[in-house]
Amino acid sequence: TATTTEADLIVLGLGPGGESVAQVAAEAGRTVVGVDPSLVGGECPYYGCIPSKMLLRAAETLAEAERVNELAGRATTEPDHGRVAERIRDEATDDWDDTVAVERLEKAGVTVVRGAGRLSGRADDGRLTVEVDGRRFAARDVVVATGTAPAMPPIDGLAELGASVDGPVWTNREAVQARTAPASRIVLGGGAIGCELADGFARFGSAVTVVEAGPRILGVEEPETSEVIAGVFTDRGITVMTDAKADRIEADGEGGVRVYLDRGEDAGPGPGELTAERLLVAVGRRTNLADLGLDTVGLDPDARSLAVDDDLHVLDGDDVPIDGLHAVGDVTGRGAFTHVATWQARVLTGRLLDRDAPFGGYHGLAWATFTDPEVGRVGMTEAQARDAGLDAQIGRAEIAKDSRGWIHGPGNDGFVKLVVDAARSELVGATVVAPHGGEILGLLTLAVHARVPVETLSTMHYVFPTLHRTVLEALDTLP
C-alpha cells in the first residue's frame, strides 16, 4: 500500500487560478500540494493571453505604420514575424520553461508535484484523497483547477494529421510557438481565438481564410459586432466564410493541408475545398475533467464542467455542496478567462483562510477580444436581455462620429451599444467596438457591476475629446 502524504490543501492544476490559491494558502501557513502535468502557470502565460497579445501588439504597430500614409507622410513596412517569435520565446515564456514559476511556488511553501492528479475518494477519516502516478495524498480540502485545452473536433482526417509546430495543423499553442508566419492559413472557427490569430497573422503577410460553421463570426457577441469585424476583415483581405463546416481534412502532398467543406444552404457561392500551408483549429476549448476520478466523489465522470456555489464549493447532482471539494477557473463553466479564474481564486482563498472576500456575482462578467478594432463586452446582449423578459432599451453611438473617433481617422470602425433594463433604469449590458475598446469597457463594467442608475451615468463628466465620451453619446440616444 502506497504511503499517504498528508496536507491541508491539494490543488489540482496550477494555471492562474490554482496557482493563486496554492501560493496564498501556503503563504498563510497551510501545507499545500500543487499538482500539474504541464507548465506551472497554465495556458495564459505560455500559449494564451500573453503571447497572443504580444503578436497582436506587433500587428497593431504594423497597422498604425500603414496609416502614416493617410495621416502623416510616407512610410513603408517590412513585417518580420521572427521578432515577435523571439519576444514570445525569450521574454514571455523562457522558451516554454516554467522554472521561475515553480521556484516562486516552492519559495511560498507549496510542494509542487509533476503529474496528472486523480481524485480517489476519501480516506477513513473523511478527507479527500488524490493519486498522482502511484503516489497518494490526502487533504481536508481539494481544489480542482485543471483548466481547458484546445478542442479537436471529430472531423475526418484531423486526428491522423495531429497538431505540431512543424506540421500542417496548429492549435493556438503551435501558433504562438511558430518562428515564421505561414504564407497561407485556414482558420477553422470564427470565435475570439480564431479571429484574433487571423487578424494578427494577416498583418504579417499570411493569406487568411476564416471558416465558421455558424451564420456569423464572433457568434456570442452582438450581431452588429460580427458585422463590423467581418467588414474590417474583408477590407483587410481576410476571407470570411460562414455557414461552412469542415467535412474532411487531408495533407495536400506539398506540406500543406486541404480542407473539404460542407456549405450550408444559406452560404451562397463559394469553393467546396480550400488549401493552405497551415490549418489553425480554433473551434473552442474542452475542460480537462476526463480521467479526473469524478465518480469517486459522487460526480458524473463525463461532466463537461463543475457546478459551484458562491463559495466555490463543487455541487453534486442535487445542488448540495460536496464537503471539502472546490473548483475555480475554466472547469466551473463561468467563462474561460484568466480574470475569472483569479477572481474566483481570491473568493475561495478568502473562504479557506477565513478572510473577507465578498462574492460579487457574475452579472457584470466582462471580456475583450483583441482584434483591430477591439471588442469589449460586459453583461447581457440585447437578445439575452429580451429572452430574460426584460423591457430592454437600446442606446447606440458610432465611434467614427465621436470627436476623438473622427480625429483618430483610419481604423476608427465601431460603436458603443448600451442595453438598459427600463424597469430599473440600469445598464445590464454593453458592447464597445473601437480602437482600445477593451479599455473603454472599464467604465461600463463598473456601471453594470455596481448597478449604477442610467440617470447617474448621464450626469457624469466625460472628458472631451475622448473615445469614452461615446458612452455619453449612446446614453443620449436612449428613449
Protein backbone atom coordinates (compact mmCIF):
# COMPACT_ATOMS: atom_id res chain seq x y z
CA THR A 1 0.00 0.00 0.00
CA ALA A 2 1.34 3.39 -1.01
CA THR A 3 2.23 5.79 1.79
CA THR A 4 -0.23 8.67 2.08
CA THR A 5 1.20 12.19 2.23
CA GLU A 6 -0.97 14.49 4.30
CA ALA A 7 -1.66 18.16 3.58
CA ASP A 8 -4.14 20.87 4.45
CA LEU A 9 -4.89 21.60 0.81
CA ILE A 10 -4.35 19.90 -2.55
CA VAL A 11 -4.66 21.95 -5.73
CA LEU A 12 -5.16 20.04 -8.98
CA GLY A 13 -3.99 22.30 -11.79
CA LEU A 14 -1.60 25.21 -11.41
CA GLY A 15 -2.89 27.63 -14.00
CA PRO A 16 -3.67 31.22 -12.96
CA GLY A 17 -6.48 30.25 -10.56
CA GLY A 18 -4.91 27.19 -8.99
CA GLU A 19 -1.50 28.84 -8.75
CA SER A 20 -3.04 31.78 -6.89
CA VAL A 21 -4.93 29.57 -4.41
CA ALA A 22 -1.85 27.45 -3.74
CA GLN A 23 0.51 30.38 -3.21
CA VAL A 24 -1.80 32.45 -0.98
CA ALA A 25 -2.74 29.44 1.17
CA ALA A 26 0.90 28.40 1.57
CA GLU A 27 1.97 31.92 2.49
CA ALA A 28 -0.74 31.84 5.16
CA GLY A 29 0.89 28.79 6.73
CA ARG A 30 -1.18 25.97 5.24
CA THR A 31 0.55 22.85 3.97
CA VAL A 32 -0.22 22.81 0.25
CA VAL A 33 0.42 20.28 -2.51
CA GLY A 34 0.10 21.62 -6.04
CA VAL A 35 -0.27 19.09 -8.85
CA ASP A 36 0.12 19.70 -12.58
CA PRO A 37 1.34 17.56 -15.51
CA SER A 38 2.25 20.59 -17.60
CA LEU A 39 3.70 24.06 -17.26
CA VAL A 40 3.07 25.80 -13.95
CA GLY A 41 1.17 28.99 -14.80
CA GLY A 42 -1.08 27.27 -17.30
CA GLU A 43 -2.32 28.29 -20.72
CA CYS A 44 -2.36 32.05 -20.23
CA PRO A 45 1.35 32.93 -19.89
CA TYR A 46 2.69 30.27 -22.25
CA TYR A 47 0.12 29.84 -25.02
CA GLY A 48 -2.84 32.15 -24.46
CA CYS A 49 -3.29 35.69 -23.16
CA ILE A 50 0.31 36.88 -23.03
CA PRO A 51 1.96 35.51 -26.21
CA SER A 52 -1.11 36.08 -28.38
CA LYS A 53 -1.36 39.69 -27.27
CA MET A 54 2.34 40.17 -27.99
CA LEU A 55 1.58 39.06 -31.54
CA LEU A 56 -1.40 41.40 -31.69
CA ARG A 57 0.54 44.33 -30.26
CA ALA A 58 3.10 43.86 -33.03
CA ALA A 59 0.30 43.62 -35.61
CA GLU A 60 -1.23 46.82 -34.21
CA THR A 61 2.10 48.59 -34.66
CA LEU A 62 2.22 47.49 -38.29
CA ALA A 63 -1.34 48.72 -38.78
CA GLU A 64 -0.51 52.15 -37.39
CA ALA A 65 2.59 52.37 -39.57
CA GLU A 66 0.45 51.66 -42.62
CA ARG A 67 -1.80 54.59 -41.65
CA VAL A 68 1.09 57.04 -41.78
CA ASN A 69 0.45 57.47 -45.48
CA GLU A 70 -3.07 58.75 -44.78
CA LEU A 71 -2.26 60.87 -41.75
CA ALA A 72 1.33 61.97 -41.53
CA GLY A 73 3.56 61.42 -44.53
CA ARG A 74 5.09 58.39 -46.19
CA ALA A 75 6.16 55.10 -44.66
CA THR A 76 6.76 51.53 -45.71
CA THR A 77 6.90 48.44 -43.52
CA GLU A 78 8.61 45.08 -43.80
CA PRO A 79 6.81 42.72 -41.41
CA ASP A 80 9.15 40.33 -39.60
CA HIS A 81 7.36 37.69 -37.57
CA GLY A 82 10.73 36.48 -36.32
CA ARG A 83 10.94 39.43 -33.94
CA VAL A 84 7.56 38.54 -32.42
CA ALA A 85 8.59 34.90 -32.11
CA GLU A 86 11.79 35.97 -30.38
CA ARG A 87 9.92 38.14 -27.85
CA ILE A 88 7.45 35.35 -27.09
CA ARG A 89 10.21 32.76 -26.71
CA ASP A 90 12.74 34.81 -24.73
CA GLU A 91 10.78 37.50 -22.90
CA ALA A 92 7.42 35.87 -22.18
CA THR A 93 7.88 32.11 -21.87
CA ASP A 94 11.60 31.48 -21.20
CA ASP A 95 11.38 29.10 -24.17
CA TRP A 96 8.39 27.40 -22.50
CA ASP A 97 10.29 26.73 -19.29
CA ASP A 98 8.39 27.17 -16.01
CA THR A 99 11.37 27.05 -13.64
CA VAL A 100 10.72 30.57 -12.35
CA ALA A 101 7.05 29.83 -11.67
CA VAL A 102 7.88 26.58 -9.85
CA GLU A 103 10.51 28.28 -7.74
CA ARG A 104 8.06 31.04 -6.82
CA LEU A 105 5.55 28.49 -5.52
CA GLU A 106 8.17 26.45 -3.70
CA LYS A 107 9.52 29.59 -2.04
CA ALA A 108 5.98 30.27 -0.79
CA GLY A 109 5.92 26.77 0.71
CA VAL A 110 3.99 24.83 -1.93
CA THR A 111 5.06 21.24 -2.67
CA VAL A 112 4.88 21.04 -6.48
CA VAL A 113 4.18 17.57 -7.86
CA ARG A 114 4.54 16.85 -11.56
CA GLY A 115 1.90 14.54 -12.94
CA ALA A 116 -1.78 14.05 -13.71
CA GLY A 117 -3.69 14.09 -10.43
CA ARG A 118 -6.79 11.98 -9.99
CA LEU A 119 -9.40 12.06 -7.26
CA SER A 120 -9.62 8.70 -5.48
CA GLY A 121 -12.45 9.03 -2.97
CA ARG A 122 -11.97 9.56 0.73
CA ALA A 123 -9.73 8.23 3.48
CA ASP A 124 -11.24 6.58 6.58
CA ASP A 125 -11.29 9.93 8.39
CA GLY A 126 -13.30 11.56 5.59
CA ARG A 127 -10.51 13.53 3.96
CA LEU A 128 -10.38 13.62 0.18
CA THR A 129 -7.62 11.60 -1.46
CA VAL A 130 -5.71 12.20 -4.67
CA GLU A 131 -3.39 9.89 -6.58
CA VAL A 132 -0.54 11.10 -8.79
CA ASP A 133 1.45 8.46 -10.69
CA GLY A 134 1.27 5.93 -7.86
CA ARG A 135 1.69 8.48 -5.06
CA ARG A 136 -1.21 9.11 -2.67
CA PHE A 137 -2.15 12.37 -0.96
CA ALA A 138 -4.92 13.29 1.46
CA ALA A 139 -6.30 16.66 2.50
CA ARG A 140 -9.34 18.24 4.09
CA ASP A 141 -9.75 20.48 1.04
CA VAL A 142 -9.10 19.82 -2.64
CA VAL A 143 -9.37 22.45 -5.39
CA VAL A 144 -9.98 21.39 -8.98
CA ALA A 145 -8.40 23.97 -11.31
CA THR A 146 -7.39 21.82 -14.25
CA GLY A 147 -8.45 24.32 -16.92
CA THR A 148 -9.08 23.64 -20.58
CA ALA A 149 -7.25 22.54 -23.71
CA PRO A 150 -7.88 23.27 -27.40
CA ALA A 151 -10.81 21.22 -28.69
CA MET A 152 -10.09 18.98 -31.66
CA PRO A 153 -13.39 18.22 -33.40
CA PRO A 154 -14.12 14.76 -34.84
CA ILE A 155 -13.50 15.78 -38.45
CA ASP A 156 -12.47 13.02 -40.82
CA GLY A 157 -8.67 13.04 -41.21
CA LEU A 158 -7.88 15.59 -38.50
CA ALA A 159 -6.76 13.14 -35.83
CA GLU A 160 -4.40 11.44 -38.28
CA LEU A 161 -2.66 14.73 -39.03
CA GLY A 162 -2.46 15.79 -35.39
CA ALA A 163 -1.14 19.16 -34.25
CA SER A 164 2.54 20.10 -34.26
CA VAL A 165 4.60 23.23 -34.86
CA ASP A 166 6.28 21.71 -37.89
CA GLY A 167 3.13 20.09 -39.25
CA PRO A 168 0.25 21.50 -41.30
CA VAL A 169 -2.21 21.60 -38.37
CA TRP A 170 -1.93 24.05 -35.48
CA THR A 171 -3.94 24.97 -32.42
CA ASN A 172 -3.34 28.28 -30.64
CA ARG A 173 -0.42 26.59 -28.86
CA GLU A 174 1.51 25.82 -32.01
CA ALA A 175 0.60 29.20 -33.50
CA VAL A 176 2.41 31.14 -30.76
CA GLN A 177 5.44 28.83 -30.96
CA ALA A 178 5.84 29.36 -34.71
CA ARG A 179 9.08 31.04 -35.81
CA THR A 180 7.64 32.35 -39.09
CA ALA A 181 4.24 33.36 -40.41
CA PRO A 182 2.87 30.86 -42.96
CA ALA A 183 2.24 32.09 -46.49
CA SER A 184 -1.38 30.96 -46.21
CA ARG A 185 -3.61 29.82 -43.43
CA ILE A 186 -7.12 28.48 -42.96
CA VAL A 187 -8.63 29.32 -39.58
CA LEU A 188 -11.26 26.81 -38.55
CA GLY A 189 -13.55 28.67 -36.17
CA GLY A 190 -14.60 32.31 -36.06
CA GLY A 191 -14.65 32.78 -32.31
CA ALA A 192 -12.38 35.06 -30.29
CA ILE A 193 -9.22 32.97 -30.63
CA GLY A 194 -9.71 32.33 -34.33
CA CYS A 195 -10.42 35.99 -35.09
CA GLU A 196 -7.51 37.30 -33.03
CA LEU A 197 -4.98 34.99 -34.64
CA ALA A 198 -6.44 35.53 -38.11
CA ASP A 199 -6.05 39.28 -37.64
CA GLY A 200 -2.54 39.01 -36.23
CA PHE A 201 -1.07 36.71 -38.85
CA ALA A 202 -2.73 38.58 -41.71
CA ARG A 203 -0.71 41.66 -40.68
CA PHE A 204 2.44 39.56 -41.08
CA GLY A 205 1.62 38.62 -44.64
CA SER A 206 -0.36 35.39 -44.31
CA ALA A 207 -3.25 34.95 -46.74
CA VAL A 208 -6.02 34.06 -44.27
CA THR A 209 -9.42 32.43 -44.69
CA VAL A 210 -11.72 32.14 -41.67
CA VAL A 211 -14.17 29.23 -41.87
CA GLU A 212 -17.09 29.48 -39.44
CA ALA A 213 -19.81 26.82 -39.16
CA GLY A 214 -22.37 29.30 -37.81
CA PRO A 215 -24.10 32.16 -39.58
CA ARG A 216 -21.56 34.77 -38.35
CA ILE A 217 -18.17 35.12 -36.75
CA LEU A 218 -17.98 36.10 -33.07
CA GLY A 219 -21.34 34.46 -32.62
CA VAL A 220 -21.59 35.11 -28.86
CA GLU A 221 -21.38 38.86 -29.43
CA GLU A 222 -23.97 41.33 -30.69
CA PRO A 223 -24.83 40.85 -34.40
CA GLU A 224 -23.53 44.37 -35.08
CA THR A 225 -20.16 43.34 -33.69
CA SER A 226 -19.93 40.45 -36.11
CA GLU A 227 -20.87 42.74 -38.98
CA VAL A 228 -18.19 45.31 -38.16
CA ILE A 229 -15.38 42.80 -37.66
CA ALA A 230 -16.34 40.80 -40.75
CA GLY A 231 -16.36 44.00 -42.79
CA VAL A 232 -12.98 45.11 -41.45
CA PHE A 233 -11.53 41.66 -42.15
CA THR A 234 -12.84 41.70 -45.71
CA ASP A 235 -11.41 45.16 -46.34
CA ARG A 236 -8.09 43.92 -44.98
CA GLY A 237 -8.01 40.96 -47.36
CA ILE A 238 -9.10 38.27 -44.90
CA THR A 239 -11.69 35.95 -46.43
CA VAL A 240 -14.61 35.20 -44.12
CA MET A 241 -16.74 32.14 -44.89
CA THR A 242 -19.82 31.46 -42.74
CA ASP A 243 -22.27 28.55 -42.75
CA ALA A 244 -19.31 26.41 -43.76
CA LYS A 245 -18.30 23.21 -41.97
CA ALA A 246 -15.13 21.24 -42.48
CA ASP A 247 -16.17 17.79 -43.66
CA ARG A 248 -12.77 16.24 -44.28
CA ILE A 249 -9.13 17.28 -43.89
CA GLU A 250 -6.06 15.82 -45.55
CA ALA A 251 -2.46 16.64 -46.37
CA ASP A 252 -2.17 18.28 -49.76
CA GLY A 253 1.02 16.46 -50.75
CA GLU A 254 3.15 19.60 -50.64
CA GLY A 255 3.49 20.01 -46.90
CA GLY A 256 0.22 21.87 -46.52
CA VAL A 257 -3.38 20.93 -45.90
CA ARG A 258 -6.60 20.60 -47.87
CA VAL A 259 -10.00 21.19 -46.25
CA TYR A 260 -13.20 19.89 -47.84
CA LEU A 261 -16.23 21.97 -46.91
CA ASP A 262 -19.90 21.23 -46.36
CA ARG A 263 -21.54 24.56 -47.26
CA GLY A 264 -24.93 25.41 -45.75
CA GLU A 265 -27.93 26.28 -47.88
CA ASP A 266 -27.61 29.96 -46.95
CA ALA A 267 -23.87 30.15 -47.52
CA GLY A 268 -24.06 31.46 -51.08
CA PRO A 269 -21.47 30.77 -53.78
CA GLY A 270 -18.01 29.74 -52.77
CA PRO A 271 -15.41 26.98 -53.00
CA GLY A 272 -16.07 23.47 -51.78
CA GLU A 273 -12.46 22.97 -50.78
CA LEU A 274 -9.55 25.09 -49.61
CA THR A 275 -5.80 24.56 -49.45
CA ALA A 276 -3.26 26.34 -47.31
CA GLU A 277 0.17 25.98 -45.80
CA ARG A 278 -1.32 25.74 -42.31
CA LEU A 279 -4.70 24.98 -40.73
CA LEU A 280 -5.41 26.64 -37.38
CA VAL A 281 -8.06 24.73 -35.41
CA ALA A 282 -9.84 27.22 -33.15
CA VAL A 283 -13.27 25.75 -32.59
CA GLY A 284 -13.33 26.16 -28.81
CA ARG A 285 -11.95 24.64 -25.64
CA ARG A 286 -12.61 21.40 -23.75
CA THR A 287 -12.36 21.15 -19.98
CA ASN A 288 -9.66 18.90 -18.56
CA LEU A 289 -12.00 16.76 -16.48
CA ALA A 290 -11.69 13.38 -18.20
CA ASP A 291 -9.91 10.73 -16.10
CA LEU A 292 -10.04 13.02 -13.05
CA GLY A 293 -11.89 10.41 -10.97
CA LEU A 294 -15.02 12.49 -10.54
CA ASP A 295 -17.06 9.34 -9.96
CA THR A 296 -15.05 8.59 -6.79
CA VAL A 297 -16.64 11.63 -5.13
CA GLY A 298 -20.14 11.09 -6.47
CA LEU A 299 -19.95 13.21 -9.62
CA ASP A 300 -20.70 12.39 -13.24
CA PRO A 301 -17.40 11.21 -14.78
CA ASP A 302 -18.49 12.64 -18.14
CA ALA A 303 -19.29 16.10 -16.78
CA ARG A 304 -18.20 18.96 -19.05
CA SER A 305 -18.00 21.41 -16.15
CA LEU A 306 -18.36 21.51 -12.38
CA ALA A 307 -21.24 23.46 -10.86
CA VAL A 308 -20.14 25.62 -7.94
CA ASP A 309 -21.90 27.79 -5.38
CA ASP A 310 -20.95 31.31 -4.36
CA ASP A 311 -18.27 29.91 -2.04
CA LEU A 312 -16.76 27.86 -4.90
CA HIS A 313 -17.85 24.55 -3.36
CA VAL A 314 -18.49 21.93 -6.03
CA LEU A 315 -22.16 20.90 -6.09
CA ASP A 316 -23.46 17.37 -6.60
CA GLY A 317 -26.37 16.45 -8.86
CA ASP A 318 -28.83 17.73 -6.26
CA ASP A 319 -27.01 21.08 -5.90
CA VAL A 320 -25.64 20.07 -2.50
CA PRO A 321 -22.05 21.15 -1.73
CA ILE A 322 -19.56 18.29 -1.62
CA ASP A 323 -17.61 18.56 1.60
CA GLY A 324 -14.07 19.75 1.01
CA LEU A 325 -14.25 19.84 -2.79
CA HIS A 326 -13.84 23.20 -4.55
CA ALA A 327 -13.24 24.40 -8.10
CA VAL A 328 -12.03 27.57 -9.81
CA GLY A 329 -11.39 28.64 -13.37
CA ASP A 330 -12.49 27.24 -16.70
CA VAL A 331 -13.83 23.98 -15.21
CA THR A 332 -16.62 25.90 -13.48
CA GLY A 333 -18.18 26.91 -16.80
CA ARG A 334 -18.34 30.56 -15.77
CA GLY A 335 -16.16 31.84 -18.58
CA ALA A 336 -12.80 30.63 -19.84
CA PHE A 337 -10.95 33.78 -18.84
CA THR A 338 -7.89 34.30 -16.68
CA HIS A 339 -9.58 37.17 -14.85
CA VAL A 340 -12.49 34.89 -13.85
CA ALA A 341 -10.12 32.23 -12.53
CA THR A 342 -8.09 34.69 -10.45
CA TRP A 343 -11.27 36.42 -9.20
CA GLN A 344 -12.69 33.07 -8.09
CA ALA A 345 -9.33 32.20 -6.52
CA ARG A 346 -9.50 35.35 -4.40
CA VAL A 347 -13.00 34.47 -3.20
CA LEU A 348 -12.03 30.87 -2.47
CA THR A 349 -8.86 31.66 -0.55
CA GLY A 350 -10.88 34.13 1.49
CA ARG A 351 -13.24 31.31 2.45
CA LEU A 352 -10.45 28.81 3.15
CA LEU A 353 -8.49 31.27 5.28
CA ASP A 354 -11.47 32.94 6.99
CA ARG A 355 -10.69 36.26 5.36
CA ASP A 356 -13.06 38.86 3.96
CA ALA A 357 -13.51 38.23 0.23
CA PRO A 358 -17.01 39.30 -0.83
CA PHE A 359 -18.64 37.42 -3.71
CA GLY A 360 -19.64 39.88 -6.41
CA GLY A 361 -21.69 37.67 -8.72
CA TYR A 362 -21.39 37.12 -12.46
CA HIS A 363 -23.92 39.66 -13.75
CA GLY A 364 -21.08 42.05 -14.59
CA LEU A 365 -18.84 39.49 -16.28
CA ALA A 366 -16.76 41.24 -18.93
CA TRP A 367 -14.23 40.29 -21.55
CA ALA A 368 -12.39 41.63 -24.57
CA THR A 369 -11.45 40.26 -27.97
CA PHE A 370 -8.24 41.88 -29.18
CA THR A 371 -8.92 42.24 -32.87
CA ASP A 372 -8.36 45.59 -34.58
CA PRO A 373 -10.71 47.21 -33.60
CA GLU A 374 -11.03 45.64 -30.17
CA VAL A 375 -14.32 44.20 -28.95
CA GLY A 376 -15.26 44.80 -25.32
CA ARG A 377 -18.34 43.18 -23.84
CA VAL A 378 -20.00 43.16 -20.41
CA GLY A 379 -23.22 41.57 -19.19
CA MET A 380 -26.15 40.80 -21.47
CA THR A 381 -26.60 41.27 -25.18
CA GLU A 382 -29.85 42.80 -26.40
CA ALA A 383 -31.18 39.34 -27.30
CA GLN A 384 -30.24 37.88 -23.90
CA ALA A 385 -31.98 40.73 -22.12
CA ARG A 386 -35.18 40.26 -24.10
CA ASP A 387 -35.02 36.46 -23.63
CA ALA A 388 -34.79 37.10 -19.88
CA GLY A 389 -38.08 39.01 -20.07
CA LEU A 390 -36.59 42.47 -19.61
CA ASP A 391 -38.01 45.57 -21.25
CA ALA A 392 -34.70 46.34 -22.97
CA GLN A 393 -33.95 49.85 -24.16
CA ILE A 394 -31.03 50.35 -26.52
CA GLY A 395 -28.63 53.26 -26.83
CA ARG A 396 -26.02 53.38 -29.56
CA ALA A 397 -23.41 55.74 -30.94
CA GLU A 398 -20.83 55.34 -33.70
CA ILE A 399 -17.15 55.71 -32.88
CA ALA A 400 -16.37 57.45 -36.18
CA LYS A 401 -18.91 60.17 -35.36
CA ASP A 402 -17.42 60.84 -31.93
CA SER A 403 -14.95 63.73 -31.97
CA ARG A 404 -11.98 61.62 -30.86
CA GLY A 405 -13.05 58.80 -33.18
CA TRP A 406 -13.19 61.22 -36.11
CA ILE A 407 -9.76 62.63 -35.18
CA HIS A 408 -8.41 59.07 -34.97
CA GLY A 409 -9.11 58.66 -38.67
CA PRO A 410 -8.49 55.30 -40.40
CA GLY A 411 -9.09 52.38 -38.10
CA ASN A 412 -11.99 54.06 -36.30
CA ASP A 413 -14.61 51.44 -37.12
CA GLY A 414 -17.01 50.55 -34.32
CA PHE A 415 -19.69 51.66 -31.90
CA VAL A 416 -20.87 51.73 -28.31
CA LYS A 417 -24.10 49.86 -27.60
CA LEU A 418 -25.91 50.02 -24.26
CA VAL A 419 -28.57 47.58 -23.06
CA VAL A 420 -30.76 49.09 -20.33
CA ASP A 421 -33.41 47.42 -18.17
CA ALA A 422 -36.15 50.04 -18.49
CA ALA A 423 -37.95 48.88 -15.33
CA ARG A 424 -34.92 49.58 -13.14
CA SER A 425 -33.29 52.20 -15.40
CA GLU A 426 -30.00 50.35 -15.05
CA LEU A 427 -27.43 49.17 -17.51
CA VAL A 428 -27.46 45.34 -17.80
CA GLY A 429 -25.09 45.01 -20.73
CA ALA A 430 -22.86 46.88 -23.12
CA THR A 431 -20.60 46.37 -26.10
CA VAL A 432 -17.73 48.54 -27.30
CA VAL A 433 -16.15 48.01 -30.71
CA ALA A 434 -13.40 50.58 -31.06
CA PRO A 435 -9.69 51.26 -31.01
CA HIS A 436 -8.70 50.16 -27.48
CA GLY A 437 -12.30 49.10 -26.91
CA GLY A 438 -11.30 46.88 -24.02
CA GLU A 439 -10.08 49.92 -22.10
CA ILE A 440 -13.26 51.92 -22.70
CA LEU A 441 -15.18 48.92 -21.34
CA GLY A 442 -13.93 49.59 -17.80
CA LEU A 443 -16.44 52.39 -17.24
CA LEU A 444 -19.32 50.24 -18.47
CA THR A 445 -18.22 47.20 -16.47
CA LEU A 446 -18.36 49.28 -13.29
CA ALA A 447 -21.80 50.55 -14.24
CA VAL A 448 -23.20 47.04 -14.80
CA HIS A 449 -21.46 45.52 -11.79
CA ALA A 450 -22.45 48.28 -9.36
CA ARG A 451 -25.93 48.69 -10.89
CA VAL A 452 -25.37 52.41 -11.43
CA PRO A 453 -28.60 54.20 -12.45
CA VAL A 454 -28.65 55.47 -16.01
CA GLU A 455 -29.50 58.93 -14.68
CA THR A 456 -26.25 58.94 -12.71
CA LEU A 457 -24.28 57.91 -15.79
CA SER A 458 -25.91 60.73 -17.73
CA THR A 459 -24.80 63.33 -15.18
CA MET A 460 -21.11 62.33 -15.22
CA HIS A 461 -18.36 64.46 -16.70
CA TYR A 462 -16.98 62.77 -19.84
CA VAL A 463 -13.65 64.26 -20.88
CA PHE A 464 -13.63 65.89 -24.31
CA PRO A 465 -12.33 64.73 -26.72
CA THR A 466 -12.02 61.08 -25.69
CA LEU A 467 -13.29 57.82 -27.13
CA HIS A 468 -15.09 57.04 -23.88
CA ARG A 469 -17.23 60.12 -24.43
CA THR A 470 -19.06 57.96 -26.98
CA VAL A 471 -20.73 56.37 -23.94
CA LEU A 472 -22.46 59.68 -23.20
CA GLU A 473 -23.49 59.98 -26.82
CA ALA A 474 -25.01 56.48 -26.63
CA LEU A 475 -26.84 57.41 -23.42
CA ASP A 476 -28.34 60.40 -25.20
CA THR A 477 -29.99 58.10 -27.76
CA LEU A 478 -31.92 56.11 -25.15
CA PRO A 479 -35.73 56.53 -25.34
